[in-house]
């Protein structure tokens, strides 16, 4: 799986580490959403490692399927 790094704008390799169910307040009450933890592998920006290297992010699984993953 690939994800776009927001610091160097390069498509980087990543993989899903774990999946869990999270609850949040939606428009119609409490909703349960499937959340995936994604591991972004180390990569370079120029000579040094990028700031986005070696991070773990969480995002809803349905956004992964739609290729709309943006991370902070």
PDB file of N, CA and C in Angstrom:
ATOM      1  N   UNK A   1       0.847  -1.170   0.000  1.00  0.00           N
ATOM      2  CA  UNK A   1       0.000   0.000   0.000  1.00  0.00           C
ATOM      3  C   UNK A   1       0.893   1.234   0.000  1.00  0.00           C
ATOM      4  N   UNK A   2       0.454   2.295  -0.653  1.00  0.00           N
ATOM      5  CA  UNK A   2       1.236   3.524  -0.707  1.00  0.00           C
ATOM      6  C   UNK A   2       0.417   4.679  -0.141  1.00  0.00           C
ATOM      7  N   UNK A   3       1.122   5.659   0.425  1.00  0.00           N
ATOM      8  CA  UNK A   3       0.499   6.855   0.981  1.00  0.00           C
ATOM      9  C   UNK A   3       1.359   8.052   0.605  1.00  0.00           C
ATOM     10  N   UNK A   4       0.745   9.209   0.441  1.00  0.00           N
ATOM     11  CA  UNK A   4       1.467  10.412   0.058  1.00  0.00           C
ATOM     12  C   UNK A   4       2.017  11.095   1.308  1.00  0.00           C
ATOM     13  N   UNK A   5       3.341  11.316   1.348  1.00  0.00           N
ATOM     14  CA  UNK A   5       3.966  12.011   2.477  1.00  0.00           C
ATOM     15  C   UNK A   5       3.690  13.506   2.339  1.00  0.00           C
ATOM     16  N   UNK A   6       3.185  14.123   3.407  1.00  0.00           N
ATOM     17  CA  UNK A   6       2.824  15.542   3.303  1.00  0.00           C
ATOM     18  C   UNK A   6       4.024  16.470   3.409  1.00  0.00           C
ATOM     19  N   UNK A   7       5.180  15.960   3.859  1.00  0.00           N
ATOM     20  CA  UNK A   7       6.358  16.816   3.969  1.00  0.00           C
ATOM     21  C   UNK A   7       7.184  16.827   2.691  1.00  0.00           C
ATOM     22  N   UNK A   8       7.270  15.696   1.993  1.00  0.00           N
ATOM     23  CA  UNK A   8       8.109  15.667   0.796  1.00  0.00           C
ATOM     24  C   UNK A   8       7.317  15.378  -0.477  1.00  0.00           C
ATOM     25  N   UNK A   9       5.988  15.196  -0.378  1.00  0.00           N
ATOM     26  CA  UNK A   9       5.100  14.971  -1.527  1.00  0.00           C
ATOM     27  C   UNK A   9       5.543  13.804  -2.403  1.00  0.00           C
ATOM     28  N   UNK A  10       5.946  12.717  -1.759  1.00  0.00           N
ATOM     29  CA  UNK A  10       6.341  11.505  -2.460  1.00  0.00           C
ATOM     30  C   UNK A  10       5.437  10.378  -1.984  1.00  0.00           C
ATOM     31  N   UNK A  11       5.052   9.506  -2.886  1.00  0.00           N
ATOM     32  CA  UNK A  11       4.242   8.350  -2.524  1.00  0.00           C
ATOM     33  C   UNK A  11       5.135   7.305  -1.871  1.00  0.00           C
ATOM     34  N   UNK A  12       4.861   6.993  -0.596  1.00  0.00           N
ATOM     35  CA  UNK A  12       5.731   6.108   0.177  1.00  0.00           C
ATOM     36  C   UNK A  12       5.024   4.799   0.510  1.00  0.00           C
ATOM     37  N   UNK A  13       5.820   3.745   0.711  1.00  0.00           N
ATOM     38  CA  UNK A  13       5.283   2.450   1.131  1.00  0.00           C
ATOM     39  C   UNK A  13       4.823   2.514   2.576  1.00  0.00           C
ATOM     40  N   UNK A  14       3.728   1.846   2.877  1.00  0.00           N
ATOM     41  CA  UNK A  14       3.235   1.749   4.243  1.00  0.00           C
ATOM     42  C   UNK A  14       2.407   0.468   4.361  1.00  0.00           C
ATOM     43  N   UNK A  15       2.082   0.076   5.577  1.00  0.00           N
ATOM     44  CA  UNK A  15       1.232  -1.088   5.779  1.00  0.00           C
ATOM     45  C   UNK A  15       0.380  -0.902   7.026  1.00  0.00           C
ATOM     46  N   UNK A  16      -0.737  -1.635   7.083  1.00  0.00           N
ATOM     47  CA  UNK A  16      -1.652  -1.558   8.221  1.00  0.00           C
ATOM     48  C   UNK A  16      -1.103  -2.420   9.346  1.00  0.00           C
ATOM     49  N   UNK A  17      -0.911  -1.792  10.523  1.00  0.00           N
ATOM     50  CA  UNK A  17      -0.384  -2.490  11.689  1.00  0.00           C
ATOM     51  C   UNK A  17      -1.513  -3.171  12.448  1.00  0.00           C
ATOM     52  N   UNK A  18      -2.609  -2.445  12.700  1.00  0.00           N
ATOM     53  CA  UNK A  18      -3.728  -3.027  13.438  1.00  0.00           C
ATOM     54  C   UNK A  18      -5.023  -2.320  13.047  1.00  0.00           C
ATOM     55  N   UNK A  19      -6.136  -2.976  13.380  1.00  0.00           N
ATOM     56  CA  UNK A  19      -7.473  -2.419  13.133  1.00  0.00           C
ATOM     57  C   UNK A  19      -8.237  -2.437  14.447  1.00  0.00           C
ATOM     58  N   UNK A  20      -9.030  -1.392  14.685  1.00  0.00           N
ATOM     59  CA  UNK A  20      -9.837  -1.340  15.900  1.00  0.00           C
ATOM     60  C   UNK A  20     -11.124  -0.579  15.600  1.00  0.00           C
ATOM     61  N   UNK A  21     -12.075  -0.671  16.505  1.00  0.00           N
ATOM     62  CA  UNK A  21     -13.353   0.029  16.348  1.00  0.00           C
ATOM     63  C   UNK A  21     -13.392   1.172  17.341  1.00  0.00           C
ATOM     64  N   UNK A  22     -13.692   2.378  16.839  1.00  0.00           N
ATOM     65  CA  UNK A  22     -13.743   3.572  17.674  1.00  0.00           C
ATOM     66  C   UNK A  22     -15.160   4.145  17.617  1.00  0.00           C
ATOM     67  N   UNK A  23     -15.585   4.740  18.711  1.00  0.00           N
ATOM     68  CA  UNK A  23     -16.911   5.355  18.758  1.00  0.00           C
ATOM     69  C   UNK A  23     -16.771   6.867  18.805  1.00  0.00           C
ATOM     70  N   UNK A  24     -17.627   7.560  18.065  1.00  0.00           N
ATOM     71  CA  UNK A  24     -17.645   9.018  18.116  1.00  0.00           C
ATOM     72  C   UNK A  24     -19.072   9.498  17.906  1.00  0.00           C
ATOM     73  N   UNK A  25     -19.333  10.755  18.264  1.00  0.00           N
ATOM     74  CA  UNK A  25     -20.664  11.330  18.123  1.00  0.00           C
ATOM     75  C   UNK A  25     -20.879  11.757  16.675  1.00  0.00           C
ATOM     76  N   UNK A  26     -21.823  11.104  16.010  1.00  0.00           N
ATOM     77  CA  UNK A  26     -22.148  11.423  14.629  1.00  0.00           C
ATOM     78  C   UNK A  26     -23.423  12.244  14.565  1.00  0.00           C
ATOM     79  N   UNK A  27     -23.953  12.412  13.374  1.00  0.00           N
ATOM     80  CA  UNK A  27     -25.171  13.201  13.168  1.00  0.00           C
ATOM     81  C   UNK A  27     -26.386  12.539  13.804  1.00  0.00           C
ATOM     82  N   UNK A  28     -26.374  11.212  13.909  1.00  0.00           N
ATOM     83  CA  UNK A  28     -27.528  10.482  14.427  1.00  0.00           C
ATOM     84  C   UNK A  28     -27.222   9.781  15.738  1.00  0.00           C
ATOM     85  N   UNK A  29     -26.323  10.316  16.541  1.00  0.00           N
ATOM     86  CA  UNK A  29     -25.978   9.700  17.812  1.00  0.00           C
ATOM     87  C   UNK A  29     -24.562   9.132  17.767  1.00  0.00           C
ATOM     88  N   UNK A  30     -24.313   8.146  18.587  1.00  0.00           N
ATOM     89  CA  UNK A  30     -22.971   7.554  18.656  1.00  0.00           C
ATOM     90  C   UNK A  30     -22.788   6.560  17.510  1.00  0.00           C
ATOM     91  N   UNK A  31     -21.742   6.778  16.739  1.00  0.00           N
ATOM     92  CA  UNK A  31     -21.411   5.890  15.623  1.00  0.00           C
ATOM     93  C   UNK A  31     -20.150   5.114  15.954  1.00  0.00           C
ATOM     94  N   UNK A  32     -20.042   3.914  15.411  1.00  0.00           N
ATOM     95  CA  UNK A  32     -18.798   3.159  15.555  1.00  0.00           C
ATOM     96  C   UNK A  32     -18.107   3.134  14.193  1.00  0.00           C
ATOM     97  N   UNK A  33     -16.824   3.452  14.194  1.00  0.00           N
ATOM     98  CA  UNK A  33     -16.046   3.556  12.972  1.00  0.00           C
ATOM     99  C   UNK A  33     -14.848   2.616  13.083  1.00  0.00           C
ATOM    100  N   UNK A  34     -14.550   1.894  12.010  1.00  0.00           N
ATOM    101  CA  UNK A  34     -13.362   1.037  11.986  1.00  0.00           C
ATOM    102  C   UNK A  34     -12.151   1.904  11.682  1.00  0.00           C
ATOM    103  N   UNK A  35     -11.164   1.858  12.565  1.00  0.00           N
ATOM    104  CA  UNK A  35      -9.954   2.667  12.466  1.00  0.00           C
ATOM    105  C   UNK A  35      -8.762   1.747  12.187  1.00  0.00           C
ATOM    106  N   UNK A  36      -7.881   2.187  11.293  1.00  0.00           N
ATOM    107  CA  UNK A  36      -6.661   1.427  11.001  1.00  0.00           C
ATOM    108  C   UNK A  36      -5.448   2.233  11.445  1.00  0.00           C
ATOM    109  N   UNK A  37      -4.477   1.544  12.054  1.00  0.00           N
ATOM    110  CA  UNK A  37      -3.192   2.169  12.365  1.00  0.00           C
ATOM    111  C   UNK A  37      -2.254   1.820  11.222  1.00  0.00           C
ATOM    112  N   UNK A  38      -1.653   2.848  10.599  1.00  0.00           N
ATOM    113  CA  UNK A  38      -0.804   2.667   9.426  1.00  0.00           C
ATOM    114  C   UNK A  38       0.619   3.055   9.774  1.00  0.00           C
ATOM    115  N   UNK A  39       1.566   2.195   9.438  1.00  0.00           N
ATOM    116  CA  UNK A  39       2.994   2.432   9.670  1.00  0.00           C
ATOM    117  C   UNK A  39       3.608   2.943   8.369  1.00  0.00           C
ATOM    118  N   UNK A  40       4.231   4.142   8.440  1.00  0.00           N
ATOM    119  CA  UNK A  40       4.911   4.721   7.282  1.00  0.00           C
ATOM    120  C   UNK A  40       6.401   4.450   7.455  1.00  0.00           C
ATOM    121  N   UNK A  41       7.000   3.855   6.455  1.00  0.00           N
ATOM    122  CA  UNK A  41       8.393   3.432   6.549  1.00  0.00           C
ATOM    123  C   UNK A  41       9.347   4.619   6.420  1.00  0.00           C
ATOM    124  N   UNK A  42      10.592   4.414   6.847  1.00  0.00           N
ATOM    125  CA  UNK A  42      11.613   5.461   6.760  1.00  0.00           C
ATOM    126  C   UNK A  42      11.905   5.795   5.301  1.00  0.00           C
ATOM    127  N   UNK A  43      12.078   7.082   5.029  1.00  0.00           N
ATOM    128  CA  UNK A  43      12.454   7.518   3.694  1.00  0.00           C
ATOM    129  C   UNK A  43      13.227   8.823   3.780  1.00  0.00           C
ATOM    130  N   UNK A  44      13.914   9.157   2.732  1.00  0.00           N
ATOM    131  CA  UNK A  44      14.784  10.324   2.716  1.00  0.00           C
ATOM    132  C   UNK A  44      14.143  11.495   1.996  1.00  0.00           C
ATOM    133  N   UNK A  45      14.502  12.708   2.443  1.00  0.00           N
ATOM    134  CA  UNK A  45      14.198  13.945   1.730  1.00  0.00           C
ATOM    135  C   UNK A  45      15.551  14.628   1.571  1.00  0.00           C
ATOM    136  N   UNK A  46      16.136  14.505   0.395  1.00  0.00           N
ATOM    137  CA  UNK A  46      17.497  14.996   0.200  1.00  0.00           C
ATOM    138  C   UNK A  46      18.483  14.046   0.851  1.00  0.00           C
ATOM    139  N   UNK A  47      19.385  14.579   1.683  1.00  0.00           N
ATOM    140  CA  UNK A  47      20.397  13.756   2.341  1.00  0.00           C
ATOM    141  C   UNK A  47      19.926  13.169   3.664  1.00  0.00           C
ATOM    142  N   UNK A  48      18.933  13.799   4.300  1.00  0.00           N
ATOM    143  CA  UNK A  48      18.490  13.398   5.636  1.00  0.00           C
ATOM    144  C   UNK A  48      17.142  12.685   5.570  1.00  0.00           C
ATOM    145  N   UNK A  49      16.785  12.023   6.696  1.00  0.00           N
ATOM    146  CA  UNK A  49      15.469  11.407   6.783  1.00  0.00           C
ATOM    147  C   UNK A  49      14.390  12.477   6.790  1.00  0.00           C
ATOM    148  N   UNK A  50      13.272  12.186   6.159  1.00  0.00           N
ATOM    149  CA  UNK A  50      12.125  13.102   6.118  1.00  0.00           C
ATOM    150  C   UNK A  50      11.453  13.138   7.496  1.00  0.00           C
ATOM    151  N   UNK A  51      10.763  14.248   7.812  1.00  0.00           N
ATOM    152  CA  UNK A  51      10.033  14.366   9.084  1.00  0.00           C
ATOM    153  C   UNK A  51       8.916  13.332   9.191  1.00  0.00           C
ATOM    154  N   UNK A  52       8.370  12.921   8.051  1.00  0.00           N
ATOM    155  CA  UNK A  52       7.284  11.941   8.044  1.00  0.00           C
ATOM    156  C   UNK A  52       7.753  10.510   8.163  1.00  0.00           C
ATOM    157  N   UNK A  53       9.058  10.309   8.248  1.00  0.00           N
ATOM    158  CA  UNK A  53       9.612   8.952   8.312  1.00  0.00           C
ATOM    159  C   UNK A  53       9.259   8.252   9.611  1.00  0.00           C
ATOM    160  N   UNK A  54       9.032   6.955   9.484  1.00  0.00           N
ATOM    161  CA  UNK A  54       8.890   6.073  10.637  1.00  0.00           C
ATOM    162  C   UNK A  54       7.794   6.524  11.600  1.00  0.00           C
ATOM    163  N   UNK A  55       6.636   6.905  11.070  1.00  0.00           N
ATOM    164  CA  UNK A  55       5.498   7.321  11.893  1.00  0.00           C
ATOM    165  C   UNK A  55       4.384   6.300  11.818  1.00  0.00           C
ATOM    166  N   UNK A  56       3.542   6.305  12.833  1.00  0.00           N
ATOM    167  CA  UNK A  56       2.324   5.504  12.841  1.00  0.00           C
ATOM    168  C   UNK A  56       1.146   6.463  12.941  1.00  0.00           C
ATOM    169  N   UNK A  57       0.221   6.358  11.988  1.00  0.00           N
ATOM    170  CA  UNK A  57      -0.941   7.248  11.972  1.00  0.00           C
ATOM    171  C   UNK A  57      -2.211   6.414  12.081  1.00  0.00           C
ATOM    172  N   UNK A  58      -3.322   7.053  12.464  1.00  0.00           N
ATOM    173  CA  UNK A  58      -4.621   6.387  12.504  1.00  0.00           C
ATOM    174  C   UNK A  58      -5.554   7.082  11.534  1.00  0.00           C
ATOM    175  N   UNK A  59      -6.345   6.292  10.827  1.00  0.00           N
ATOM    176  CA  UNK A  59      -7.291   6.832   9.852  1.00  0.00           C
ATOM    177  C   UNK A  59      -8.447   5.848   9.687  1.00  0.00           C
ATOM    178  N   UNK A  60      -9.648   6.320   9.334  1.00  0.00           N
ATOM    179  CA  UNK A  60     -10.767   5.400   9.081  1.00  0.00           C
ATOM    180  C   UNK A  60     -10.480   4.488   7.888  1.00  0.00           C
ATOM    181  N   UNK A  61     -10.891   3.235   7.987  1.00  0.00           N
ATOM    182  CA  UNK A  61     -10.619   2.257   6.936  1.00  0.00           C
ATOM    183  C   UNK A  61     -11.310   2.624   5.634  1.00  0.00           C
ATOM    184  N   UNK A  62     -12.505   3.217   5.684  1.00  0.00           N
ATOM    185  CA  UNK A  62     -13.191   3.563   4.440  1.00  0.00           C
ATOM    186  C   UNK A  62     -12.440   4.633   3.636  1.00  0.00           C
ATOM    187  N   UNK A  63     -11.658   5.486   4.287  1.00  0.00           N
ATOM    188  CA  UNK A  63     -10.850   6.459   3.559  1.00  0.00           C
ATOM    189  C   UNK A  63      -9.667   5.797   2.862  1.00  0.00           C
ATOM    190  N   UNK A  64      -9.178   4.694   3.421  1.00  0.00           N
ATOM    191  CA  UNK A  64      -8.091   3.955   2.773  1.00  0.00           C
ATOM    192  C   UNK A  64      -8.602   3.361   1.470  1.00  0.00           C
ATOM    193  N   UNK A  65      -9.811   2.814   1.500  1.00  0.00           N
ATOM    194  CA  UNK A  65     -10.380   2.202   0.305  1.00  0.00           C
ATOM    195  C   UNK A  65     -10.673   3.237  -0.778  1.00  0.00           C
ATOM    196  N   UNK A  66     -10.951   4.487  -0.382  1.00  0.00           N
ATOM    197  CA  UNK A  66     -11.243   5.552  -1.341  1.00  0.00           C
ATOM    198  C   UNK A  66      -9.990   6.317  -1.767  1.00  0.00           C
ATOM    199  N   UNK A  67      -8.815   5.919  -1.248  1.00  0.00           N
ATOM    200  CA  UNK A  67      -7.531   6.592  -1.538  1.00  0.00           C
ATOM    201  C   UNK A  67      -7.577   8.078  -1.184  1.00  0.00           C
ATOM    202  N   UNK A  68      -8.140   8.395  -0.010  1.00  0.00           N
ATOM    203  CA  UNK A  68      -8.221   9.786   0.453  1.00  0.00           C
ATOM    204  C   UNK A  68      -7.487   9.957   1.783  1.00  0.00           C
ATOM    205  N   UNK A  69      -6.373   9.268   1.971  1.00  0.00           N
ATOM    206  CA  UNK A  69      -5.649   9.323   3.236  1.00  0.00           C
ATOM    207  C   UNK A  69      -4.727  10.525   3.251  1.00  0.00           C
ATOM    208  N   UNK A  70      -4.947  11.409   4.218  1.00  0.00           N
ATOM    209  CA  UNK A  70      -4.062  12.550   4.472  1.00  0.00           C
ATOM    210  C   UNK A  70      -3.746  12.500   5.951  1.00  0.00           C
ATOM    211  N   UNK A  71      -2.515  12.644   6.298  1.00  0.00           N
ATOM    212  CA  UNK A  71      -2.149  12.520   7.704  1.00  0.00           C
ATOM    213  C   UNK A  71      -1.464  13.782   8.206  1.00  0.00           C
ATOM    214  N   UNK A  72      -1.527  13.959   9.552  1.00  0.00           N
ATOM    215  CA  UNK A  72      -0.907  15.123  10.183  1.00  0.00           C
ATOM    216  C   UNK A  72       0.333  14.700  10.900  1.00  0.00           C
TER     217      UNK A  72
END
